[in-house]
Amino acid sequence: MDQFSDSGELFVIHNLFYQGAYKEVLAHSTAGYSAPAELQSRIYKYRAQIALGEASAVVSELEDTESSAALAAVKALALFKAGQIDDSLELVQELVESEGEDANVQVLGGIVLYLAGKAEDALLLLSQHENSLAAVALTVQIRLAQNKIDLAAKEIVLAKRWGQDNLLLNLAEAWVDLSIGGDKYQNAFYIYEELTQTPSSSNARTFVGQAVADIQLGRYPEAEDAINSALERDGESTEVLVNAIILYILLGRNYSQFLETLKVQDPTNAFLVDYEEKSALFDTCAAQYTALIVE
């Protein structure tokens, strides 16, 4: 069982975080929690702040983390997201050497190392985990990014031997299914469909997942229903906006409203940067042909 979610106290905030419901994470009350659960809840809340663009505030709040390797790992992630890359990597290296067995050091340190382009170092650190689904999910994400789908699938098979039915494991399995394609698209759809029909798991991110599966299955009307449900729940989420743009392009509809919102919400978003680069390239090519026609 994942040590990040094996406590009933952590069940709700764990699920909220991994569903991307960051504002709900910050609003979640931890009154009456045991000390270990309270610490892990704080970590989820700090990570939610970082995800919402408040990394500098987290760095300031975690000025003194000498007494907690877990909080120091959070600080390392916040430093990285705040643009202090060298300080972040230095802190991660110190933690790996002194507290490499800590689950939060493994996961958060793994995130920093991967973001810094050190994927193999991240995988080595994550491989030290002891029954942590958070480590498994991150390992799966890295393997998929490397296009090593077979290794990602292997992680799921191994995790199912010891991990109970869990939101994070279900999501990781759906990611792999979407990457494998073919008949697996339907399996991914079933996973997301079940999540969207479960009150505790029904949110923007799960509806986006369902929409992606529908798109791959060629079911555009169903995908639009799912995207609309995601927009109703979080119309400012970059993940929702990017997938809404993609769907509307496929449908041949005007997607400018989503594009403008994305520019405001996340101007450095990888999809947006790529979109603008390709748009500029298209304009350059079109101008060349226009000149030929005029001549």
C-alpha atoms as a PDB file:
ATOM      1  CA  MET A   1       0.000   0.000   0.000  1.00  0.00           C
ATOM      2  CA  ASP A   2       1.303   3.462  -0.874  1.00  0.00           C
ATOM      3  CA  GLN A   3       2.699   5.163   2.201  1.00  0.00           C
ATOM      4  CA  PHE A   4       1.339   8.454   0.836  1.00  0.00           C
ATOM      5  CA  SER A   5      -2.256   7.232   0.969  1.00  0.00           C
ATOM      6  CA  ASP A   6      -2.415   4.318   3.368  1.00  0.00           C
ATOM      7  CA  SER A   7      -3.996   6.482   6.052  1.00  0.00           C
ATOM      8  CA  GLY A   8      -7.722   7.097   5.938  1.00  0.00           C
ATOM      9  CA  GLU A   9      -6.916  10.637   7.019  1.00  0.00           C
ATOM     10  CA  LEU A  10      -5.039  11.232   3.767  1.00  0.00           C
ATOM     11  CA  PHE A  11      -7.499   9.583   1.383  1.00  0.00           C
ATOM     12  CA  VAL A  12      -9.400  12.740   0.414  1.00  0.00           C
ATOM     13  CA  ILE A  13      -6.483  15.149   0.074  1.00  0.00           C
ATOM     14  CA  HIS A  14      -4.418  12.501  -1.750  1.00  0.00           C
ATOM     15  CA  ASN A  15      -7.159  12.034  -4.340  1.00  0.00           C
ATOM     16  CA  LEU A  16      -7.792  15.755  -4.683  1.00  0.00           C
ATOM     17  CA  PHE A  17      -4.121  16.416  -5.365  1.00  0.00           C
ATOM     18  CA  TYR A  18      -3.684  13.730  -7.982  1.00  0.00           C
ATOM     19  CA  GLN A  19      -6.875  14.818  -9.709  1.00  0.00           C
ATOM     20  CA  GLY A  20      -5.398  18.295 -10.094  1.00  0.00           C
ATOM     21  CA  ALA A  21      -7.968  19.880  -7.785  1.00  0.00           C
ATOM     22  CA  TYR A  22      -5.343  22.169  -6.273  1.00  0.00           C
ATOM     23  CA  LYS A  23      -7.654  24.847  -4.907  1.00  0.00           C
ATOM     24  CA  GLU A  24      -9.673  22.174  -3.123  1.00  0.00           C
ATOM     25  CA  VAL A  25      -6.434  20.783  -1.674  1.00  0.00           C
ATOM     26  CA  LEU A  26      -5.609  24.172  -0.168  1.00  0.00           C
ATOM     27  CA  ALA A  27      -9.118  24.485   1.262  1.00  0.00           C
ATOM     28  CA  HIS A  28      -9.124  20.988   2.750  1.00  0.00           C
ATOM     29  CA  SER A  29      -9.188  20.966   6.563  1.00  0.00           C
ATOM     30  CA  THR A  30      -6.650  18.810   8.390  1.00  0.00           C
ATOM     31  CA  ALA A  31      -8.033  19.456  11.864  1.00  0.00           C
ATOM     32  CA  GLY A  32      -7.550  16.447  14.118  1.00  0.00           C
ATOM     33  CA  TYR A  33      -5.035  14.725  11.857  1.00  0.00           C
ATOM     34  CA  SER A  34      -2.230  12.665  13.381  1.00  0.00           C
ATOM     35  CA  ALA A  35       1.268  14.160  13.151  1.00  0.00           C
ATOM     36  CA  PRO A  36       2.410  12.006  10.170  1.00  0.00           C
ATOM     37  CA  ALA A  37      -0.809  12.656   8.263  1.00  0.00           C
ATOM     38  CA  GLU A  38      -0.631  16.380   9.028  1.00  0.00           C
ATOM     39  CA  LEU A  39       2.915  16.546   7.633  1.00  0.00           C
ATOM     40  CA  GLN A  40       1.969  14.748   4.432  1.00  0.00           C
ATOM     41  CA  SER A  41      -1.085  16.991   4.087  1.00  0.00           C
ATOM     42  CA  ARG A  42       1.153  20.045   4.373  1.00  0.00           C
ATOM     43  CA  ILE A  43       3.281  18.621   1.588  1.00  0.00           C
ATOM     44  CA  TYR A  44       0.241  18.189  -0.658  1.00  0.00           C
ATOM     45  CA  LYS A  45      -0.793  21.767   0.109  1.00  0.00           C
ATOM     46  CA  TYR A  46       2.684  23.129  -0.691  1.00  0.00           C
ATOM     47  CA  ARG A  47       2.755  21.149  -3.930  1.00  0.00           C
ATOM     48  CA  ALA A  48      -0.691  22.509  -4.794  1.00  0.00           C
ATOM     49  CA  GLN A  49       0.623  26.055  -4.262  1.00  0.00           C
ATOM     50  CA  ILE A  50       3.577  25.313  -6.530  1.00  0.00           C
ATOM     51  CA  ALA A  51       1.236  23.924  -9.195  1.00  0.00           C
ATOM     52  CA  LEU A  52      -0.822  27.110  -8.961  1.00  0.00           C
ATOM     53  CA  GLY A  53       2.243  29.256  -9.662  1.00  0.00           C
ATOM     54  CA  GLU A  54       3.082  30.197  -6.075  1.00  0.00           C
ATOM     55  CA  ALA A  55       6.532  28.586  -5.909  1.00  0.00           C
ATOM     56  CA  SER A  56       8.289  31.699  -4.580  1.00  0.00           C
ATOM     57  CA  ALA A  57       5.831  31.923  -1.694  1.00  0.00           C
ATOM     58  CA  VAL A  58       6.563  28.297  -0.796  1.00  0.00           C
ATOM     59  CA  VAL A  59      10.310  28.944  -0.879  1.00  0.00           C
ATOM     60  CA  SER A  60       9.868  31.841   1.528  1.00  0.00           C
ATOM     61  CA  GLU A  61       7.712  29.814   3.887  1.00  0.00           C
ATOM     62  CA  LEU A  62      10.155  26.907   3.913  1.00  0.00           C
ATOM     63  CA  GLU A  63      13.229  28.935   4.786  1.00  0.00           C
ATOM     64  CA  ASP A  64      14.203  26.517   7.586  1.00  0.00           C
ATOM     65  CA  THR A  65      13.770  22.841   6.626  1.00  0.00           C
ATOM     66  CA  GLU A  66      16.733  21.285   8.424  1.00  0.00           C
ATOM     67  CA  SER A  67      14.464  19.223  10.674  1.00  0.00           C
ATOM     68  CA  SER A  68      12.505  17.581   7.858  1.00  0.00           C
ATOM     69  CA  ALA A  69      13.863  15.884   4.745  1.00  0.00           C
ATOM     70  CA  ALA A  70      10.336  15.784   3.304  1.00  0.00           C
ATOM     71  CA  LEU A  71       9.872  19.549   3.591  1.00  0.00           C
ATOM     72  CA  ALA A  72      13.375  20.120   2.245  1.00  0.00           C
ATOM     73  CA  ALA A  73      12.369  18.078  -0.806  1.00  0.00           C
ATOM     74  CA  VAL A  74       9.332  20.322  -1.259  1.00  0.00           C
ATOM     75  CA  LYS A  75      11.611  23.351  -1.026  1.00  0.00           C
ATOM     76  CA  ALA A  76      13.851  21.868  -3.736  1.00  0.00           C
ATOM     77  CA  LEU A  77      10.866  21.565  -6.080  1.00  0.00           C
ATOM     78  CA  ALA A  78       9.716  25.097  -5.217  1.00  0.00           C
ATOM     79  CA  LEU A  79      13.221  26.465  -5.877  1.00  0.00           C
ATOM     80  CA  PHE A  80      13.267  24.789  -9.275  1.00  0.00           C
ATOM     81  CA  LYS A  81       9.848  26.136 -10.223  1.00  0.00           C
ATOM     82  CA  ALA A  82      10.879  29.592  -8.984  1.00  0.00           C
ATOM     83  CA  GLY A  83      13.812  29.568 -11.399  1.00  0.00           C
ATOM     84  CA  GLN A  84      16.549  28.875  -8.855  1.00  0.00           C
ATOM     85  CA  ILE A  85      17.746  25.780 -10.720  1.00  0.00           C
ATOM     86  CA  ASP A  86      21.277  25.466  -9.313  1.00  0.00           C
ATOM     87  CA  ASP A  87      20.116  25.860  -5.714  1.00  0.00           C
ATOM     88  CA  SER A  88      17.395  23.302  -6.309  1.00  0.00           C
ATOM     89  CA  LEU A  89      19.751  20.687  -7.767  1.00  0.00           C
ATOM     90  CA  GLU A  90      22.294  21.264  -5.020  1.00  0.00           C
ATOM     91  CA  LEU A  91      19.645  20.669  -2.377  1.00  0.00           C
ATOM     92  CA  VAL A  92      18.365  17.546  -4.131  1.00  0.00           C
ATOM     93  CA  GLN A  93      21.876  16.128  -4.324  1.00  0.00           C
ATOM     94  CA  GLU A  94      22.340  16.682  -0.589  1.00  0.00           C
ATOM     95  CA  LEU A  95      19.026  14.990   0.163  1.00  0.00           C
ATOM     96  CA  VAL A  96      19.713  12.030  -2.110  1.00  0.00           C
ATOM     97  CA  GLU A  97      23.026  11.425  -0.345  1.00  0.00           C
ATOM     98  CA  SER A  98      21.670  11.770   3.191  1.00  0.00           C
ATOM     99  CA  GLU A  99      17.945  10.899   2.985  1.00  0.00           C
ATOM    100  CA  GLY A 100      17.585   8.882  -0.197  1.00  0.00           C
ATOM    101  CA  GLU A 101      15.272   6.370   1.477  1.00  0.00           C
ATOM    102  CA  ASP A 102      12.648   9.031   2.261  1.00  0.00           C
ATOM    103  CA  ALA A 103       9.578   8.607   0.036  1.00  0.00           C
ATOM    104  CA  ASN A 104       9.110  12.349  -0.478  1.00  0.00           C
ATOM    105  CA  VAL A 105      12.782  12.816  -1.336  1.00  0.00           C
ATOM    106  CA  GLN A 106      12.469  10.055  -3.927  1.00  0.00           C
ATOM    107  CA  VAL A 107       9.352  11.485  -5.583  1.00  0.00           C
ATOM    108  CA  LEU A 108      10.043  15.218  -5.340  1.00  0.00           C
ATOM    109  CA  GLY A 109      13.750  14.775  -5.985  1.00  0.00           C
ATOM    110  CA  GLY A 110      12.818  12.611  -8.960  1.00  0.00           C
ATOM    111  CA  ILE A 111      10.611  15.366 -10.346  1.00  0.00           C
ATOM    112  CA  VAL A 112      13.394  17.947 -10.046  1.00  0.00           C
ATOM    113  CA  LEU A 113      15.982  15.661 -11.626  1.00  0.00           C
ATOM    114  CA  TYR A 114      13.678  14.823 -14.522  1.00  0.00           C
ATOM    115  CA  LEU A 115      12.776  18.470 -15.125  1.00  0.00           C
ATOM    116  CA  ALA A 116      16.498  19.268 -15.128  1.00  0.00           C
ATOM    117  CA  GLY A 117      17.058  16.765 -17.933  1.00  0.00           C
ATOM    118  CA  LYS A 118      18.498  14.074 -15.667  1.00  0.00           C
ATOM    119  CA  ALA A 119      15.933  11.362 -16.405  1.00  0.00           C
ATOM    120  CA  GLU A 120      18.200   8.399 -15.646  1.00  0.00           C
ATOM    121  CA  ASP A 121      19.234   9.896 -12.293  1.00  0.00           C
ATOM    122  CA  ALA A 122      15.540  10.397 -11.516  1.00  0.00           C
ATOM    123  CA  LEU A 123      14.734   6.780 -12.398  1.00  0.00           C
ATOM    124  CA  LEU A 124      17.613   5.511 -10.276  1.00  0.00           C
ATOM    125  CA  LEU A 125      16.336   7.462  -7.285  1.00  0.00           C
ATOM    126  CA  LEU A 126      12.752   6.321  -7.823  1.00  0.00           C
ATOM    127  CA  SER A 127      13.836   2.679  -8.112  1.00  0.00           C
ATOM    128  CA  GLN A 128      14.691   2.746  -4.394  1.00  0.00           C
ATOM    129  CA  HIS A 129      11.035   3.129  -3.380  1.00  0.00           C
ATOM    130  CA  GLU A 130       9.251   0.635  -1.149  1.00  0.00           C
ATOM    131  CA  ASN A 131       5.675   0.160  -2.335  1.00  0.00           C
ATOM    132  CA  SER A 132       5.048   3.791  -3.262  1.00  0.00           C
ATOM    133  CA  LEU A 133       2.453   4.300  -5.973  1.00  0.00           C
ATOM    134  CA  ALA A 134       3.542   7.937  -6.252  1.00  0.00           C
ATOM    135  CA  ALA A 135       7.011   6.696  -7.267  1.00  0.00           C
ATOM    136  CA  VAL A 136       5.462   4.180  -9.668  1.00  0.00           C
ATOM    137  CA  ALA A 137       3.282   6.851 -11.312  1.00  0.00           C
ATOM    138  CA  LEU A 138       6.246   9.195 -11.786  1.00  0.00           C
ATOM    139  CA  THR A 139       8.355   6.352 -13.176  1.00  0.00           C
ATOM    140  CA  VAL A 140       5.564   5.559 -15.642  1.00  0.00           C
ATOM    141  CA  GLN A 141       5.384   9.211 -16.731  1.00  0.00           C
ATOM    142  CA  ILE A 142       9.135   9.331 -17.348  1.00  0.00           C
ATOM    143  CA  ARG A 143       9.145   6.059 -19.272  1.00  0.00           C
ATOM    144  CA  LEU A 144       6.270   7.258 -21.446  1.00  0.00           C
ATOM    145  CA  ALA A 145       8.090  10.542 -22.102  1.00  0.00           C
ATOM    146  CA  GLN A 146      11.081   8.451 -23.214  1.00  0.00           C
ATOM    147  CA  ASN A 147       8.734   6.479 -25.482  1.00  0.00           C
ATOM    148  CA  LYS A 148       9.646   3.310 -23.574  1.00  0.00           C
ATOM    149  CA  ILE A 149       6.068   2.126 -23.373  1.00  0.00           C
ATOM    150  CA  ASP A 150       7.003  -1.483 -22.637  1.00  0.00           C
ATOM    151  CA  LEU A 151       8.916  -0.451 -19.515  1.00  0.00           C
ATOM    152  CA  ALA A 152       6.043   1.780 -18.404  1.00  0.00           C
ATOM    153  CA  ALA A 153       3.612  -1.123 -18.817  1.00  0.00           C
ATOM    154  CA  LYS A 154       5.950  -3.353 -16.807  1.00  0.00           C
ATOM    155  CA  GLU A 155       5.814  -0.883 -13.896  1.00  0.00           C
ATOM    156  CA  ILE A 156       2.014  -1.208 -13.833  1.00  0.00           C
ATOM    157  CA  VAL A 157       2.162  -5.023 -13.849  1.00  0.00           C
ATOM    158  CA  LEU A 158       4.641  -5.066 -10.971  1.00  0.00           C
ATOM    159  CA  ALA A 159       2.703  -2.479  -8.943  1.00  0.00           C
ATOM    160  CA  LYS A 160      -0.511  -4.487  -9.218  1.00  0.00           C
ATOM    161  CA  ARG A 161       1.183  -7.317  -7.324  1.00  0.00           C
ATOM    162  CA  TRP A 162       1.340  -5.241  -4.151  1.00  0.00           C
ATOM    163  CA  GLY A 163      -0.761  -2.122  -4.717  1.00  0.00           C
ATOM    164  CA  GLN A 164      -4.433  -2.062  -3.919  1.00  0.00           C
ATOM    165  CA  ASP A 165      -7.021  -0.490  -6.207  1.00  0.00           C
ATOM    166  CA  ASN A 166      -6.032   3.159  -6.042  1.00  0.00           C
ATOM    167  CA  LEU A 167      -6.779   6.329  -7.991  1.00  0.00           C
ATOM    168  CA  LEU A 168      -3.113   6.878  -8.799  1.00  0.00           C
ATOM    169  CA  LEU A 169      -2.581   3.331 -10.052  1.00  0.00           C
ATOM    170  CA  ASN A 170      -5.741   3.554 -12.147  1.00  0.00           C
ATOM    171  CA  LEU A 171      -4.585   6.821 -13.704  1.00  0.00           C
ATOM    172  CA  ALA A 172      -1.128   5.430 -14.451  1.00  0.00           C
ATOM    173  CA  GLU A 173      -2.682   2.407 -16.137  1.00  0.00           C
ATOM    174  CA  ALA A 174      -4.862   4.697 -18.268  1.00  0.00           C
ATOM    175  CA  TRP A 175      -1.786   6.720 -19.339  1.00  0.00           C
ATOM    176  CA  VAL A 176      -0.106   3.520 -20.500  1.00  0.00           C
ATOM    177  CA  ASP A 177      -3.237   2.318 -22.310  1.00  0.00           C
ATOM    178  CA  LEU A 178      -3.515   5.615 -24.202  1.00  0.00           C
ATOM    179  CA  SER A 179       0.131   5.317 -25.224  1.00  0.00           C
ATOM    180  CA  ILE A 180      -0.213   1.713 -26.410  1.00  0.00           C
ATOM    181  CA  GLY A 181      -3.308   2.538 -28.465  1.00  0.00           C
ATOM    182  CA  GLY A 182      -5.426   0.110 -30.449  1.00  0.00           C
ATOM    183  CA  ASP A 183      -7.757  -1.914 -28.254  1.00  0.00           C
ATOM    184  CA  LYS A 184      -6.216  -0.265 -25.198  1.00  0.00           C
ATOM    185  CA  TYR A 185      -7.971   3.021 -25.999  1.00  0.00           C
ATOM    186  CA  GLN A 186     -11.223   1.409 -24.907  1.00  0.00           C
ATOM    187  CA  ASN A 187      -9.632   0.177 -21.677  1.00  0.00           C
ATOM    188  CA  ALA A 188      -8.457   3.712 -20.921  1.00  0.00           C
ATOM    189  CA  PHE A 189     -11.942   5.027 -21.628  1.00  0.00           C
ATOM    190  CA  TYR A 190     -13.463   2.565 -19.154  1.00  0.00           C
ATOM    191  CA  ILE A 191     -11.017   3.677 -16.449  1.00  0.00           C
ATOM    192  CA  TYR A 192     -11.831   7.350 -16.940  1.00  0.00           C
ATOM    193  CA  GLU A 193     -15.550   6.663 -17.295  1.00  0.00           C
ATOM    194  CA  GLU A 194     -15.588   4.927 -13.921  1.00  0.00           C
ATOM    195  CA  LEU A 195     -13.684   7.814 -12.346  1.00  0.00           C
ATOM    196  CA  THR A 196     -16.058  10.437 -13.768  1.00  0.00           C
ATOM    197  CA  GLN A 197     -19.017   8.513 -12.342  1.00  0.00           C
ATOM    198  CA  THR A 198     -17.467   8.376  -8.868  1.00  0.00           C
ATOM    199  CA  PRO A 199     -18.236  11.569  -6.888  1.00  0.00           C
ATOM    200  CA  SER A 200     -14.835  11.583  -5.157  1.00  0.00           C
ATOM    201  CA  SER A 201     -12.986  11.264  -8.491  1.00  0.00           C
ATOM    202  CA  SER A 202     -15.230  13.237 -10.848  1.00  0.00           C
ATOM    203  CA  ASN A 203     -13.396  16.423 -11.800  1.00  0.00           C
ATOM    204  CA  ALA A 204     -11.883  18.329 -14.707  1.00  0.00           C
ATOM    205  CA  ARG A 205      -8.810  16.119 -15.078  1.00  0.00           C
ATOM    206  CA  THR A 206     -10.748  12.850 -15.240  1.00  0.00           C
ATOM    207  CA  PHE A 207     -13.165  14.319 -17.803  1.00  0.00           C
ATOM    208  CA  VAL A 208     -10.173  15.417 -19.892  1.00  0.00           C
ATOM    209  CA  GLY A 209      -8.860  11.863 -19.771  1.00  0.00           C
ATOM    210  CA  GLN A 210     -12.217  10.550 -20.909  1.00  0.00           C
ATOM    211  CA  ALA A 211     -12.260  13.099 -23.737  1.00  0.00           C
ATOM    212  CA  VAL A 212      -8.781  12.067 -24.909  1.00  0.00           C
ATOM    213  CA  ALA A 213      -9.875   8.415 -25.014  1.00  0.00           C
ATOM    214  CA  ASP A 214     -13.022   9.386 -26.951  1.00  0.00           C
ATOM    215  CA  ILE A 215     -10.950  11.383 -29.456  1.00  0.00           C
ATOM    216  CA  GLN A 216      -8.663   8.421 -30.074  1.00  0.00           C
ATOM    217  CA  LEU A 217     -11.735   6.242 -30.596  1.00  0.00           C
ATOM    218  CA  GLY A 218     -13.114   8.740 -33.118  1.00  0.00           C
ATOM    219  CA  ARG A 219     -16.074   9.649 -30.907  1.00  0.00           C
ATOM    220  CA  TYR A 220     -15.949  13.433 -31.235  1.00  0.00           C
ATOM    221  CA  PRO A 221     -19.477  14.226 -29.947  1.00  0.00           C
ATOM    222  CA  GLU A 222     -18.797  12.221 -26.784  1.00  0.00           C
ATOM    223  CA  ALA A 223     -15.408  13.909 -26.454  1.00  0.00           C
ATOM    224  CA  GLU A 224     -17.106  17.302 -26.684  1.00  0.00           C
ATOM    225  CA  ASP A 225     -19.502  16.356 -23.880  1.00  0.00           C
ATOM    226  CA  ALA A 226     -16.555  15.350 -21.711  1.00  0.00           C
ATOM    227  CA  ILE A 227     -14.612  18.540 -22.509  1.00  0.00           C
ATOM    228  CA  ASN A 228     -17.670  20.649 -21.701  1.00  0.00           C
ATOM    229  CA  SER A 229     -17.923  18.883 -18.340  1.00  0.00           C
ATOM    230  CA  ALA A 230     -14.240  19.628 -17.726  1.00  0.00           C
ATOM    231  CA  LEU A 231     -14.714  23.290 -18.687  1.00  0.00           C
ATOM    232  CA  GLU A 232     -17.667  23.581 -16.290  1.00  0.00           C
ATOM    233  CA  ARG A 233     -15.490  22.338 -13.447  1.00  0.00           C
ATOM    234  CA  ASP A 234     -12.319  24.281 -14.230  1.00  0.00           C
ATOM    235  CA  GLY A 235     -12.393  26.490 -17.290  1.00  0.00           C
ATOM    236  CA  GLU A 236      -9.020  28.036 -16.430  1.00  0.00           C
ATOM    237  CA  SER A 237      -7.056  24.789 -16.189  1.00  0.00           C
ATOM    238  CA  THR A 238      -4.259  24.706 -18.781  1.00  0.00           C
ATOM    239  CA  GLU A 239      -4.798  20.979 -19.204  1.00  0.00           C
ATOM    240  CA  VAL A 240      -8.481  21.533 -19.986  1.00  0.00           C
ATOM    241  CA  LEU A 241      -7.787  24.462 -22.308  1.00  0.00           C
ATOM    242  CA  VAL A 242      -5.137  22.635 -24.349  1.00  0.00           C
ATOM    243  CA  ASN A 243      -7.398  19.659 -24.912  1.00  0.00           C
ATOM    244  CA  ALA A 244     -10.350  21.905 -25.737  1.00  0.00           C
ATOM    245  CA  ILE A 245      -8.231  23.598 -28.410  1.00  0.00           C
ATOM    246  CA  ILE A 246      -7.195  20.249 -29.881  1.00  0.00           C
ATOM    247  CA  LEU A 247     -10.775  18.995 -29.974  1.00  0.00           C
ATOM    248  CA  TYR A 248     -12.109  22.184 -31.558  1.00  0.00           C
ATOM    249  CA  ILE A 249      -9.396  21.995 -34.236  1.00  0.00           C
ATOM    250  CA  LEU A 250     -10.535  18.456 -35.020  1.00  0.00           C
ATOM    251  CA  LEU A 251     -14.144  19.634 -35.102  1.00  0.00           C
ATOM    252  CA  GLY A 252     -13.269  22.553 -37.385  1.00  0.00           C
ATOM    253  CA  ARG A 253     -14.574  25.108 -34.909  1.00  0.00           C
ATOM    254  CA  ASN A 254     -13.315  28.457 -33.639  1.00  0.00           C
ATOM    255  CA  TYR A 255     -11.070  27.842 -30.637  1.00  0.00           C
ATOM    256  CA  SER A 256      -9.774  31.410 -30.164  1.00  0.00           C
ATOM    257  CA  GLN A 257     -11.539  31.832 -26.814  1.00  0.00           C
ATOM    258  CA  PHE A 258      -9.603  28.907 -25.344  1.00  0.00           C
ATOM    259  CA  LEU A 259      -6.347  30.052 -26.925  1.00  0.00           C
ATOM    260  CA  GLU A 260      -6.644  33.561 -25.468  1.00  0.00           C
ATOM    261  CA  THR A 261      -7.437  32.202 -22.012  1.00  0.00           C
ATOM    262  CA  LEU A 262      -4.431  29.864 -22.222  1.00  0.00           C
ATOM    263  CA  LYS A 263      -2.173  32.804 -23.092  1.00  0.00           C
ATOM    264  CA  VAL A 264      -3.302  34.554 -19.926  1.00  0.00           C
ATOM    265  CA  GLN A 265      -3.208  31.500 -17.654  1.00  0.00           C
ATOM    266  CA  ASP A 266       0.074  29.967 -18.823  1.00  0.00           C
ATOM    267  CA  PRO A 267       2.002  32.046 -21.389  1.00  0.00           C
ATOM    268  CA  THR A 268       4.982  29.645 -21.348  1.00  0.00           C
ATOM    269  CA  ASN A 269       2.888  26.496 -21.751  1.00  0.00           C
ATOM    270  CA  ALA A 270       4.725  23.994 -23.983  1.00  0.00           C
ATOM    271  CA  PHE A 271       1.688  23.508 -26.240  1.00  0.00           C
ATOM    272  CA  LEU A 272       1.272  27.262 -26.650  1.00  0.00           C
ATOM    273  CA  VAL A 273       4.957  27.814 -27.430  1.00  0.00           C
ATOM    274  CA  ASP A 274       4.847  25.058 -30.059  1.00  0.00           C
ATOM    275  CA  TYR A 275       1.592  26.406 -31.498  1.00  0.00           C
ATOM    276  CA  GLU A 276       2.993  29.918 -31.859  1.00  0.00           C
ATOM    277  CA  GLU A 277       6.233  28.664 -33.418  1.00  0.00           C
ATOM    278  CA  LYS A 278       4.322  26.668 -36.021  1.00  0.00           C
ATOM    279  CA  SER A 279       1.939  29.577 -36.675  1.00  0.00           C
ATOM    280  CA  ALA A 280       4.890  31.897 -37.301  1.00  0.00           C
ATOM    281  CA  LEU A 281       6.476  29.303 -39.609  1.00  0.00           C
ATOM    282  CA  PHE A 282       3.206  28.963 -41.539  1.00  0.00           C
ATOM    283  CA  ASP A 283       2.930  32.754 -41.919  1.00  0.00           C
ATOM    284  CA  THR A 284       6.500  32.899 -43.250  1.00  0.00           C
ATOM    285  CA  CYS A 285       5.834  30.159 -45.794  1.00  0.00           C
ATOM    286  CA  ALA A 286       2.515  31.715 -46.822  1.00  0.00           C
ATOM    287  CA  ALA A 287       4.171  35.090 -47.344  1.00  0.00           C
ATOM    288  CA  GLN A 288       6.666  33.534 -49.729  1.00  0.00           C
ATOM    289  CA  TYR A 289       3.911  32.030 -51.869  1.00  0.00           C
ATOM    290  CA  THR A 290       1.916  35.266 -51.726  1.00  0.00           C
ATOM    291  CA  ALA A 291       4.911  37.113 -53.124  1.00  0.00           C
ATOM    292  CA  LEU A 292       5.145  34.642 -56.012  1.00  0.00           C
ATOM    293  CA  ILE A 293       1.452  35.027 -56.824  1.00  0.00           C
ATOM    294  CA  VAL A 294       1.686  38.827 -56.782  1.00  0.00           C
ATOM    295  CA  GLU A 295       4.680  38.770 -59.087  1.00  0.00           C
END
